[in-house]
Amino acid sequence: MANNNRSSKAEETDTHHAHPAERGAANHLRIDPGSAGVGRRSLRVLVVVDDPETADELARTIGNWGHEVRWISDGSAALHLAIAHRAEVALLDIALSGMSGYVVARELRHEPRLHGCFLLAMRWRTDRRRDKQFREADIDMFLAKPLDLLVLETLLALESDRLAS
């Protein structure tokens, strides 16, 4: 999946605030939009993780793969940012403080302007109760923590291919 045309350095652009009370919570990165891979289109990805350092690192990694990424650490403002960003993929931490990632996923799934958004959720473990929540939230796929970046990159590449066809 290597691409020699990729930008070697992330360019941080305007910071977009999704919630007036949450200054600095929403961030936007765009790295060489044509570099999502040979023959692949760039995806608009939303990362919702309540730890800003983790969210920023994950967003930079996904951005380095050629996708337009915004991240937010406030689950309650995630829907607003997803709509504004026209997210095609949302990567949600289930263990958000304040608002469960399951609730965020249900809100995203029920928003007509986000029809077809690929919902990925991250969590540490699974059990039957959580499997029921997974189905009720209509999440497309769960990823185990710690996150395997090769798996994530592959899923984004497959989604890019699916949307391009």
Protein backbone atom coordinates (compact mmCIF):
# COMPACT_ATOMS: atom_id res chain seq x y z
CA MET A 1 0.00 0.00 0.00
CA ALA A 2 3.00 2.26 -0.16
CA ASN A 3 2.66 5.33 -2.29
CA ASN A 4 5.70 7.42 -3.13
CA ASN A 5 3.50 10.42 -3.94
CA ARG A 6 2.39 10.80 -0.34
CA SER A 7 3.20 13.97 1.47
CA SER A 8 5.87 13.28 4.07
CA LYS A 9 4.63 15.96 6.43
CA ALA A 10 1.13 16.56 7.77
CA GLU A 11 -0.33 19.96 7.01
CA GLU A 12 -2.67 21.15 9.70
CA THR A 13 -5.44 23.33 8.33
CA ASP A 14 -8.25 25.30 9.93
CA THR A 15 -9.56 24.02 13.22
CA HIS A 16 -13.31 23.57 13.07
CA HIS A 17 -15.22 23.86 16.33
CA ALA A 18 -18.25 21.61 16.53
CA HIS A 19 -19.57 22.84 19.85
CA PRO A 20 -19.22 26.40 21.19
CA ALA A 21 -18.59 25.18 24.73
CA GLU A 22 -15.87 22.80 23.54
CA ARG A 23 -13.19 25.15 22.15
CA GLY A 24 -10.46 23.19 20.42
CA ALA A 25 -12.37 19.89 20.55
CA ALA A 26 -12.85 19.46 16.81
CA ASN A 27 -9.81 19.25 14.61
CA HIS A 28 -9.28 18.89 10.90
CA LEU A 29 -6.34 17.40 9.06
CA ARG A 30 -5.90 17.05 5.35
CA ILE A 31 -2.87 15.39 3.88
CA ASP A 32 -2.35 15.29 0.10
CA PRO A 33 -5.91 14.35 -0.88
CA GLY A 34 -4.80 12.34 -3.89
CA SER A 35 -2.62 9.99 -1.87
CA ALA A 36 -5.19 7.51 -0.53
CA GLY A 37 -3.48 4.85 -2.60
CA VAL A 38 -3.11 4.12 -6.28
CA GLY A 39 -6.59 4.18 -7.79
CA ARG A 40 -8.21 4.96 -4.45
CA ARG A 41 -10.26 7.97 -3.49
CA SER A 42 -9.76 9.92 -0.31
CA LEU A 43 -12.39 9.31 2.37
CA ARG A 44 -13.89 11.83 4.80
CA VAL A 45 -13.23 10.22 8.18
CA LEU A 46 -14.49 11.28 11.60
CA VAL A 47 -12.62 10.04 14.67
CA VAL A 48 -14.48 10.25 18.00
CA VAL A 49 -12.15 9.49 20.91
CA ASP A 50 -12.33 11.25 24.27
CA ASP A 51 -8.56 11.37 24.79
CA PRO A 52 -7.29 14.29 22.64
CA GLU A 53 -3.74 12.92 22.33
CA THR A 54 -4.97 9.54 21.12
CA ALA A 55 -7.51 11.16 18.79
CA ASP A 56 -4.88 13.46 17.30
CA GLU A 57 -2.38 10.62 16.79
CA LEU A 58 -5.01 8.42 15.16
CA ALA A 59 -6.21 11.27 12.95
CA ARG A 60 -2.66 12.03 11.82
CA THR A 61 -2.08 8.37 10.97
CA ILE A 62 -5.29 8.13 8.94
CA GLY A 63 -4.46 11.48 7.33
CA ASN A 64 -1.05 10.15 6.31
CA TRP A 65 -2.91 7.42 4.42
CA GLY A 66 -4.44 10.18 2.29
CA HIS A 67 -7.82 10.68 3.91
CA GLU A 68 -9.45 13.90 5.10
CA VAL A 69 -9.84 13.51 8.85
CA ARG A 70 -11.60 15.42 11.59
CA TRP A 71 -11.55 14.37 15.18
CA ILE A 72 -13.52 15.34 18.21
CA SER A 73 -13.29 14.36 21.85
CA ASP A 74 -16.90 15.21 22.72
CA GLY A 75 -19.43 12.52 21.85
CA SER A 76 -22.37 14.89 22.18
CA ALA A 77 -20.95 17.15 19.43
CA ALA A 78 -19.97 14.27 17.13
CA LEU A 79 -23.23 14.26 15.16
CA HIS A 80 -22.93 17.95 14.32
CA LEU A 81 -19.34 17.53 13.12
CA ALA A 82 -20.18 14.36 11.15
CA ILE A 83 -22.91 16.24 9.28
CA ALA A 84 -20.72 19.30 8.65
CA HIS A 85 -17.84 17.08 7.46
CA ARG A 86 -20.16 14.78 5.45
CA ALA A 87 -18.38 11.83 7.06
CA GLU A 88 -18.17 8.67 4.98
CA VAL A 89 -16.49 6.75 7.80
CA ALA A 90 -16.83 7.23 11.55
CA LEU A 91 -14.39 5.60 13.95
CA LEU A 92 -15.93 5.66 17.42
CA ASP A 93 -14.52 4.78 20.79
CA ILE A 94 -17.32 2.95 22.61
CA ALA A 95 -15.94 4.02 26.00
CA LEU A 96 -16.55 7.76 25.61
CA SER A 97 -16.98 9.80 28.75
CA GLY A 98 -20.29 11.59 29.03
CA MET A 99 -22.02 9.83 26.12
CA SER A 100 -21.66 6.19 25.15
CA GLY A 101 -20.23 5.42 21.74
CA TYR A 102 -23.33 3.26 21.20
CA VAL A 103 -25.53 6.36 21.58
CA VAL A 104 -23.31 8.30 19.18
CA ALA A 105 -23.48 5.41 16.68
CA ARG A 106 -27.30 5.33 16.85
CA GLU A 107 -27.48 9.09 16.29
CA LEU A 108 -25.15 8.85 13.28
CA ARG A 109 -27.05 5.90 11.83
CA HIS A 110 -30.43 7.64 12.13
CA GLU A 111 -29.25 10.86 10.46
CA PRO A 112 -30.42 10.82 6.79
CA ARG A 113 -27.55 13.08 5.68
CA LEU A 114 -25.10 10.38 6.80
CA HIS A 115 -26.81 7.55 4.94
CA GLY A 116 -24.23 4.91 4.11
CA CYS A 117 -21.62 6.12 6.62
CA PHE A 118 -19.35 3.18 7.50
CA LEU A 119 -19.42 2.90 11.32
CA LEU A 120 -16.41 1.36 13.02
CA ALA A 121 -16.30 1.06 16.80
CA MET A 122 -13.35 0.40 19.07
CA ARG A 123 -13.60 -1.45 22.38
CA TRP A 124 -11.49 -3.50 24.76
CA ARG A 125 -13.68 -6.57 25.22
CA THR A 126 -16.93 -8.19 24.23
CA ASP A 127 -19.79 -9.95 25.97
CA ARG A 128 -23.40 -10.87 25.11
CA ARG A 129 -24.85 -7.63 26.55
CA ARG A 130 -22.48 -5.56 24.41
CA ASP A 131 -23.20 -7.68 21.35
CA LYS A 132 -26.86 -6.72 21.72
CA GLN A 133 -25.88 -3.02 21.96
CA PHE A 134 -23.72 -3.49 18.86
CA ARG A 135 -26.69 -4.79 16.87
CA GLU A 136 -29.07 -2.13 18.20
CA ALA A 137 -26.62 0.65 17.27
CA ASP A 138 -26.25 -0.81 13.75
CA ILE A 139 -22.46 -0.58 13.89
CA ASP A 140 -20.78 -2.09 10.84
CA MET A 141 -17.71 -3.50 12.57
CA PHE A 142 -15.88 -3.61 15.88
CA LEU A 143 -12.14 -3.26 16.19
CA ALA A 144 -10.34 -4.51 19.28
CA LYS A 145 -8.11 -2.27 21.34
CA PRO A 146 -5.25 -1.82 21.09
CA LEU A 147 -6.07 -0.91 17.52
CA ASP A 148 -4.29 -2.83 14.76
CA LEU A 149 -3.44 -0.06 12.28
CA LEU A 150 -2.89 -2.48 9.39
CA VAL A 151 -6.45 -3.77 9.85
CA LEU A 152 -7.79 -0.20 9.98
CA GLU A 153 -5.83 0.83 6.87
CA THR A 154 -7.13 -2.22 5.02
CA LEU A 155 -10.75 -1.50 6.02
CA LEU A 156 -10.43 2.10 4.84
CA ALA A 157 -8.92 0.95 1.55
CA LEU A 158 -11.79 -1.50 1.03
CA GLU A 159 -14.36 1.20 1.83
CA SER A 160 -12.62 3.57 -0.58
CA ASP A 161 -12.77 0.92 -3.31
CA ARG A 162 -16.45 0.22 -2.55
CA LEU A 163 -17.40 3.91 -2.80
CA ALA A 164 -15.37 4.36 -5.98
CA SER A 165 -17.18 1.56 -7.80
